[in-house]
């Protein structure tokens, strides 16, 4: 199976621990370099990893010991790091969204294409058993022709749990660009690409107060809309409604539902890799759970990177740059539509990624090569 793929990680904040839980266990990956603005954090992690060196960001993206850069920085830095890595001939796999602005995302995609390097992006939750089993049900015709879907994410805001939530309320943040990628990617996997959007948005208040950690009590500004809702028109003709909010308290709405002519499918939380889809068929009297039928079993953050590395001429990566660009187009167009008060045609499209067959953990994340 060859040598382990050499990975350099940039950005060692909260999300990095979830990636490390998956990647440090994998024989497919060798983490050779780590970098963070907090150099002590990078040194501490490098001491834990047998093959890793703590480097500066500029050293890491240029290192001959790195094949792929895993970009876990905040959204505002995604483009700068990605373009630097691509400029040094590295593959790039990043956290969502692909970039904070559509123009930057297009530049990343174009640069990767010109350089002949791979480009991938989270979210990879869509590759777990929850969403893939739901997709399997749709593809098998259990609900008949899909007509519509709804996606709902409501929370009171990340300042209630995150010690440094500032970037969630700056450009590139907000509930749509932060949490929307999970829901939009799921809708694309389930129903295919989107051709147009109509959005509306609001902002409950201009500041937020951090409630957890050493900065508790600190007031931070809100520079983005914090409640966004919209309608997505898919190429297939299906209509999806989406609501993402940092202004609500709670909801009983299903995270995702897909309605077809013969049934309705309740889809697990797209921010999770697992979960049990449920089906309510026309003429039935109750929901019935669907057995796990597809997806990477026992998966977690980083499964999309492993899928990305395993892809080749016969199969494109499922968490690829095209779907990340299209998802960002959906979200930024929703925000533009809300600001301008009109329906917008999208300027991108994407192929619906290949489904994931039911795959044991030892197959997708082997401990030995």
Protein backbone atom coordinates (compact mmCIF):
# COMPACT_ATOMS: atom_id res chain seq x y z
CA UNK A 1 0.00 0.00 0.00
CA UNK A 2 3.05 2.28 -0.05
CA UNK A 3 4.35 4.75 2.47
CA UNK A 4 2.20 6.81 4.85
CA UNK A 5 1.04 10.15 3.47
CA UNK A 6 2.97 13.01 5.10
CA UNK A 7 0.74 15.61 6.73
CA UNK A 8 1.46 19.07 8.08
CA UNK A 9 -1.13 20.70 10.32
CA UNK A 10 -1.56 24.48 10.53
CA UNK A 11 -3.75 25.71 13.37
CA UNK A 12 -3.96 23.80 16.64
CA UNK A 13 -7.09 25.25 18.22
CA UNK A 14 -10.12 23.43 19.60
CA UNK A 15 -10.97 21.56 16.40
CA UNK A 16 -7.51 20.04 16.00
CA UNK A 17 -8.06 17.58 18.87
CA UNK A 18 -10.93 15.93 16.99
CA UNK A 19 -8.77 15.51 13.88
CA UNK A 20 -5.90 14.12 15.91
CA UNK A 21 -8.20 11.52 17.46
CA UNK A 22 -8.67 10.08 13.97
CA UNK A 23 -5.38 10.80 12.23
CA UNK A 24 -2.84 9.79 14.87
CA UNK A 25 -4.45 6.33 14.84
CA UNK A 26 -4.09 5.89 11.09
CA UNK A 27 -1.38 3.98 9.30
CA UNK A 28 -2.22 5.95 6.14
CA UNK A 29 -1.04 9.22 7.72
CA UNK A 30 2.24 10.36 9.21
CA UNK A 31 2.04 13.80 10.83
CA UNK A 32 5.43 15.29 10.05
CA UNK A 33 4.95 18.97 10.98
CA UNK A 34 2.70 21.20 13.08
CA UNK A 35 2.42 24.98 13.27
CA UNK A 36 0.43 27.49 15.27
CA UNK A 37 0.63 31.18 16.10
CA UNK A 38 1.13 29.94 19.66
CA UNK A 39 4.54 28.34 19.18
CA UNK A 40 4.46 26.69 22.60
CA UNK A 41 1.28 24.87 21.61
CA UNK A 42 3.01 23.57 18.48
CA UNK A 43 6.07 22.43 20.45
CA UNK A 44 3.89 20.63 23.00
CA UNK A 45 2.02 18.73 20.29
CA UNK A 46 5.20 17.90 18.36
CA UNK A 47 6.63 16.35 21.53
CA UNK A 48 3.63 13.97 21.59
CA UNK A 49 3.93 12.90 17.96
CA UNK A 50 6.85 10.63 17.07
CA UNK A 51 7.52 12.02 13.57
CA UNK A 52 6.45 15.65 13.89
CA UNK A 53 8.46 18.85 14.09
CA UNK A 54 7.17 22.19 15.33
CA UNK A 55 7.68 24.70 12.51
CA UNK A 56 6.58 28.20 11.60
CA UNK A 57 3.71 28.40 9.12
CA UNK A 58 6.03 29.54 6.33
CA UNK A 59 8.43 26.68 7.07
CA UNK A 60 5.64 24.10 7.13
CA UNK A 61 4.03 25.02 3.80
CA UNK A 62 7.48 24.90 2.14
CA UNK A 63 8.71 21.73 3.84
CA UNK A 64 9.88 18.84 1.67
CA UNK A 65 8.56 16.54 4.41
CA UNK A 66 4.92 17.56 3.87
CA UNK A 67 2.68 16.21 1.08
CA UNK A 68 -0.62 17.74 2.26
CA UNK A 69 -1.35 20.74 4.46
CA UNK A 70 -4.32 20.37 6.82
CA UNK A 71 -5.55 23.94 7.30
CA UNK A 72 -7.35 24.31 10.64
CA UNK A 73 -6.97 28.07 11.01
CA UNK A 74 -9.88 30.48 11.49
CA UNK A 75 -11.94 31.20 8.34
CA UNK A 76 -10.33 34.60 7.75
CA UNK A 77 -6.93 32.87 7.34
CA UNK A 78 -8.07 29.94 5.18
CA UNK A 79 -7.24 31.58 1.85
CA UNK A 80 -3.81 32.89 2.84
CA UNK A 81 -2.65 29.50 4.16
CA UNK A 82 -4.18 27.52 1.30
CA UNK A 83 -2.64 29.72 -1.39
CA UNK A 84 0.77 29.62 0.29
CA UNK A 85 0.67 25.83 0.48
CA UNK A 86 -0.51 25.47 -3.13
CA UNK A 87 2.26 27.84 -4.17
CA UNK A 88 4.75 25.34 -2.77
CA UNK A 89 3.11 22.43 -4.60
CA UNK A 90 1.25 20.99 -1.60
CA UNK A 91 -2.18 19.43 -1.57
CA UNK A 92 -4.54 21.28 0.75
CA UNK A 93 -7.39 19.99 2.88
CA UNK A 94 -9.07 22.63 5.03
CA UNK A 95 -11.70 23.20 7.64
CA UNK A 96 -14.95 24.72 6.45
CA UNK A 97 -15.75 27.07 4.87
CA UNK A 98 -13.29 26.94 1.97
CA UNK A 99 -12.67 30.68 2.46
CA UNK A 100 -14.38 33.63 4.09
CA UNK A 101 -15.14 35.24 0.71
CA UNK A 102 -16.23 33.77 -2.59
CA UNK A 103 -13.51 35.60 -4.53
CA UNK A 104 -10.85 34.02 -2.31
CA UNK A 105 -12.40 30.58 -2.70
CA UNK A 106 -12.38 30.89 -6.48
CA UNK A 107 -8.72 31.89 -6.35
CA UNK A 108 -7.90 28.82 -4.25
CA UNK A 109 -9.69 26.47 -6.66
CA UNK A 110 -8.03 28.06 -9.68
CA UNK A 111 -4.58 27.95 -8.07
CA UNK A 112 -4.94 24.28 -7.14
CA UNK A 113 -6.05 23.43 -10.67
CA UNK A 114 -3.15 25.36 -12.21
CA UNK A 115 -0.64 23.76 -9.85
CA UNK A 116 -2.02 20.27 -10.37
CA UNK A 117 -2.48 19.66 -6.65
CA UNK A 118 -5.43 18.23 -4.73
CA UNK A 119 -7.94 20.40 -2.88
CA UNK A 120 -10.38 19.17 -0.27
CA UNK A 121 -12.48 20.68 2.48
CA UNK A 122 -14.64 19.82 5.45
CA UNK A 123 -17.33 19.09 6.36
CA UNK A 124 -16.84 15.34 6.21
CA UNK A 125 -19.72 14.49 8.55
CA UNK A 126 -21.68 13.78 5.35
CA UNK A 127 -19.53 10.67 4.85
CA UNK A 128 -20.63 9.02 8.10
CA UNK A 129 -23.32 6.37 8.46
CA UNK A 130 -26.14 8.78 9.40
CA UNK A 131 -26.18 10.90 6.23
CA UNK A 132 -25.03 8.12 3.92
CA UNK A 133 -27.78 5.77 5.12
CA UNK A 134 -30.29 8.56 4.48
CA UNK A 135 -28.87 9.05 1.00
CA UNK A 136 -29.03 5.30 0.40
CA UNK A 137 -32.74 5.40 1.27
CA UNK A 138 -33.38 8.24 -1.20
CA UNK A 139 -31.34 6.59 -3.95
CA UNK A 140 -33.22 3.32 -3.38
CA UNK A 141 -36.52 5.14 -3.93
CA UNK A 142 -37.94 4.69 -0.42
CA UNK A 143 -39.58 8.14 -0.50
CA UNK A 144 -40.21 8.22 -4.23
CA UNK A 145 -39.30 11.38 -6.12
CA UNK A 146 -37.80 13.94 -3.67
CA UNK A 147 -39.84 17.14 -3.70
CA UNK A 148 -38.53 19.26 -0.86
CA UNK A 149 -36.31 19.38 2.21
CA UNK A 150 -35.95 21.47 5.35
CA UNK A 151 -32.77 22.19 7.34
CA UNK A 152 -32.85 23.86 10.76
CA UNK A 153 -30.04 24.91 13.12
CA UNK A 154 -30.97 27.12 16.08
CA UNK A 155 -28.69 27.97 19.00
CA UNK A 156 -28.30 30.89 21.40
CA UNK A 157 -24.74 31.55 20.20
CA UNK A 158 -21.22 30.18 20.58
CA UNK A 159 -20.23 32.76 23.23
CA UNK A 160 -22.10 30.55 25.68
CA UNK A 161 -19.51 27.76 25.42
CA UNK A 162 -16.47 28.90 23.41
CA UNK A 163 -13.69 30.70 25.34
CA UNK A 164 -12.73 32.85 22.31
CA UNK A 165 -15.80 33.12 20.07
CA UNK A 166 -14.84 36.43 18.42
CA UNK A 167 -14.32 35.01 14.92
CA UNK A 168 -17.83 33.54 14.86
CA UNK A 169 -19.14 37.11 14.76
CA UNK A 170 -16.65 38.49 12.23
CA UNK A 171 -16.45 38.25 8.44
CA UNK A 172 -16.46 34.58 7.49
CA UNK A 173 -18.46 33.69 10.59
CA UNK A 174 -22.10 33.87 11.61
CA UNK A 175 -24.44 30.89 11.84
CA UNK A 176 -24.63 30.34 8.07
CA UNK A 177 -20.92 30.24 7.26
CA UNK A 178 -20.09 28.45 10.52
CA UNK A 179 -22.81 25.80 10.74
CA UNK A 180 -24.38 26.08 7.31
CA UNK A 181 -21.64 24.06 5.56
CA UNK A 182 -22.86 20.90 7.34
CA UNK A 183 -26.45 21.44 6.21
CA UNK A 184 -25.70 22.67 2.69
CA UNK A 185 -23.23 19.85 2.01
CA UNK A 186 -25.80 17.36 3.29
CA UNK A 187 -28.50 18.81 1.02
CA UNK A 188 -26.16 18.59 -1.98
CA UNK A 189 -25.29 14.96 -1.17
CA UNK A 190 -28.97 14.13 -0.73
CA UNK A 191 -30.58 16.18 -3.51
CA UNK A 192 -27.80 17.38 -5.79
CA UNK A 193 -26.49 20.85 -6.67
CA UNK A 194 -28.38 24.13 -6.26
CA UNK A 195 -29.22 26.51 -9.11
CA UNK A 196 -30.66 29.55 -7.28
CA UNK A 197 -31.37 30.94 -3.82
CA UNK A 198 -33.59 33.48 -2.09
CA UNK A 199 -32.57 34.66 1.38
CA UNK A 200 -33.54 36.89 4.29
CA UNK A 201 -31.43 37.79 7.32
CA UNK A 202 -31.43 39.74 10.58
CA UNK A 203 -29.23 40.58 13.57
CA UNK A 204 -30.67 40.43 17.08
CA UNK A 205 -28.03 42.59 18.77
CA UNK A 206 -24.75 44.33 18.04
CA UNK A 207 -22.65 42.79 20.82
CA UNK A 208 -22.25 39.46 22.61
CA UNK A 209 -20.86 38.67 26.08
CA UNK A 210 -18.51 35.73 26.58
CA UNK A 211 -19.76 33.52 29.42
CA UNK A 212 -17.06 30.83 29.64
CA UNK A 213 -13.31 30.69 30.24
CA UNK A 214 -10.74 33.31 31.22
CA UNK A 215 -12.43 36.04 29.13
CA UNK A 216 -15.87 35.57 30.73
CA UNK A 217 -17.65 38.91 30.86
CA UNK A 218 -15.83 40.32 27.82
CA UNK A 219 -18.15 42.07 25.37
CA UNK A 220 -17.39 41.44 21.69
CA UNK A 221 -18.84 43.16 18.59
CA UNK A 222 -21.17 41.42 16.14
CA UNK A 223 -20.29 42.29 12.54
CA UNK A 224 -22.44 39.70 10.73
CA UNK A 225 -26.09 38.69 10.48
CA UNK A 226 -27.01 36.12 13.11
CA UNK A 227 -30.31 34.72 11.80
CA UNK A 228 -30.50 33.64 8.16
CA UNK A 229 -33.25 31.81 6.35
CA UNK A 230 -33.68 30.97 2.71
CA UNK A 231 -34.96 28.79 -0.12
CA UNK A 232 -32.65 26.71 -2.30
CA UNK A 233 -33.81 25.59 -5.74
CA UNK A 234 -31.97 22.41 -6.73
CA UNK A 235 -31.21 21.46 -10.32
CA UNK A 236 -33.50 18.48 -9.78
CA UNK A 237 -36.45 20.80 -9.11
CA UNK A 238 -36.55 20.03 -5.38
CA UNK A 239 -36.90 23.00 -3.02
CA UNK A 240 -35.01 23.17 0.26
CA UNK A 241 -35.63 25.66 3.06
CA UNK A 242 -32.79 26.43 5.46
CA UNK A 243 -32.67 28.32 8.75
CA UNK A 244 -29.46 28.96 10.71
CA UNK A 245 -29.55 31.08 13.84
CA UNK A 246 -27.42 32.27 16.74
CA UNK A 247 -30.46 34.19 18.03
CA UNK A 248 -32.84 31.43 19.10
CA UNK A 249 -32.90 29.39 22.30
CA UNK A 250 -34.06 25.94 21.22
CA UNK A 251 -36.03 24.06 18.58
CA UNK A 252 -37.91 20.79 18.26
CA UNK A 253 -37.55 20.86 14.47
CA UNK A 254 -35.68 17.97 12.88
CA UNK A 255 -32.20 19.02 11.74
CA UNK A 256 -33.03 17.73 8.25
CA UNK A 257 -36.15 16.31 6.63
CA UNK A 258 -36.58 15.25 3.03
CA UNK A 259 -40.11 14.99 1.63
CA UNK A 260 -40.91 12.73 -1.31
CA UNK A 261 -44.08 11.74 -3.10
CA UNK A 262 -44.20 8.42 -1.20
CA UNK A 263 -42.72 9.30 2.18
CA UNK A 264 -40.75 11.62 4.43
CA UNK A 265 -37.23 10.94 5.66
CA UNK A 266 -35.98 12.35 8.97
CA UNK A 267 -32.21 12.73 8.64
CA UNK A 268 -29.77 12.76 11.58
CA UNK A 269 -27.92 15.91 12.65
CA UNK A 270 -25.45 16.72 9.83
CA UNK A 271 -22.97 17.95 12.44
CA UNK A 272 -22.60 14.31 13.50
CA UNK A 273 -21.19 11.29 11.72
CA UNK A 274 -23.75 8.81 13.05
CA UNK A 275 -27.43 8.83 13.94
CA UNK A 276 -30.49 6.88 12.87
CA UNK A 277 -32.56 8.04 9.89
CA UNK A 278 -36.31 7.46 10.21
CA UNK A 279 -38.89 6.92 7.48
CA UNK A 280 -42.60 7.76 7.50
CA UNK A 281 -44.16 6.13 4.43
CA UNK A 282 -47.36 7.24 2.77
CA UNK A 283 -50.20 5.36 4.44
CA UNK A 284 -48.15 4.37 7.52
CA UNK A 285 -49.10 5.30 11.08
CA UNK A 286 -45.67 5.88 12.58
CA UNK A 287 -42.00 6.50 11.86
CA UNK A 288 -39.74 3.50 11.43
CA UNK A 289 -35.97 3.56 11.94
CA UNK A 290 -33.73 2.53 9.06
CA UNK A 291 -30.85 0.14 9.67
CA UNK A 292 -27.34 1.37 8.91
CA UNK A 293 -26.75 0.69 5.22
CA UNK A 294 -23.96 3.00 4.04
CA UNK A 295 -21.11 5.25 5.16
CA UNK A 296 -17.81 5.05 6.99
CA UNK A 297 -18.46 3.20 10.25
CA UNK A 298 -17.24 4.76 13.53
CA UNK A 299 -15.95 7.78 11.67
CA UNK A 300 -14.87 11.16 13.00
CA UNK A 301 -13.17 14.38 11.95
CA UNK A 302 -10.53 13.58 9.37
CA UNK A 303 -12.36 10.77 7.58
CA UNK A 304 -12.78 13.17 4.67
CA UNK A 305 -9.03 13.75 4.58
CA UNK A 306 -8.42 9.99 4.47
CA UNK A 307 -11.00 9.68 1.69
CA UNK A 308 -9.23 12.58 -0.07
CA UNK A 309 -5.86 10.83 0.17
CA UNK A 310 -7.29 7.50 -1.01
CA UNK A 311 -8.93 9.09 -4.09
CA UNK A 312 -7.29 8.70 -7.46
CA UNK A 313 -7.94 8.65 -11.21
CA UNK A 314 -10.82 6.21 -10.80
CA UNK A 315 -12.63 8.10 -8.00
CA UNK A 316 -12.71 11.75 -7.03
CA UNK A 317 -12.42 12.75 -3.40
CA UNK A 318 -15.87 13.11 -1.88
CA UNK A 319 -15.04 16.14 0.30
CA UNK A 320 -13.52 17.96 -2.65
CA UNK A 321 -12.89 21.57 -3.57
CA UNK A 322 -15.73 21.78 -6.08
CA UNK A 323 -18.42 20.88 -3.56
CA UNK A 324 -16.82 23.24 -1.02
CA UNK A 325 -16.86 26.07 -3.56
CA UNK A 326 -20.47 25.33 -4.51
CA UNK A 327 -21.54 25.21 -0.86
CA UNK A 328 -19.87 28.57 -0.23
CA UNK A 329 -21.61 29.95 -3.32
CA UNK A 330 -24.95 28.82 -1.87
CA UNK A 331 -24.24 30.50 1.46
CA UNK A 332 -22.72 33.77 0.24
CA UNK A 333 -25.46 34.08 -2.37
CA UNK A 334 -28.08 33.64 0.37
CA UNK A 335 -26.46 36.52 2.28
CA UNK A 336 -26.29 38.64 -0.87
CA UNK A 337 -29.89 37.82 -1.69
CA UNK A 338 -30.93 38.87 1.80
CA UNK A 339 -29.03 42.16 1.47
CA UNK A 340 -30.44 42.92 -2.00
CA UNK A 341 -33.93 41.49 -1.54
CA UNK A 342 -33.93 39.38 -4.70
CA UNK A 343 -33.54 35.84 -6.02
CA UNK A 344 -30.02 35.00 -7.23
CA UNK A 345 -28.83 32.44 -9.76
CA UNK A 346 -25.68 30.63 -8.67
CA UNK A 347 -22.50 30.83 -10.72
CA UNK A 348 -21.14 27.42 -9.71
CA UNK A 349 -22.30 23.83 -9.74
CA UNK A 350 -20.84 20.50 -8.69
CA UNK A 351 -21.19 16.81 -9.24
CA UNK A 352 -23.10 14.96 -6.55
CA UNK A 353 -20.30 13.02 -4.81
CA UNK A 354 -20.26 9.25 -5.07
CA UNK A 355 -22.07 7.49 -2.22
CA UNK A 356 -20.02 5.77 0.46
CA UNK A 357 -20.60 2.02 0.73
CA UNK A 358 -20.79 0.62 4.25
CA UNK A 359 -17.10 0.51 5.20
CA UNK A 360 -15.53 -0.83 8.41
CA UNK A 361 -13.15 1.42 10.32
CA UNK A 362 -10.22 -0.93 9.80
CA UNK A 363 -10.68 -0.54 6.04
CA UNK A 364 -10.89 3.28 5.90
CA UNK A 365 -8.51 3.86 8.82
CA UNK A 366 -6.14 0.89 9.05
CA UNK A 367 -3.71 0.63 11.95
CA UNK A 368 -1.17 -1.14 9.75
CA UNK A 369 -0.19 -0.74 6.10
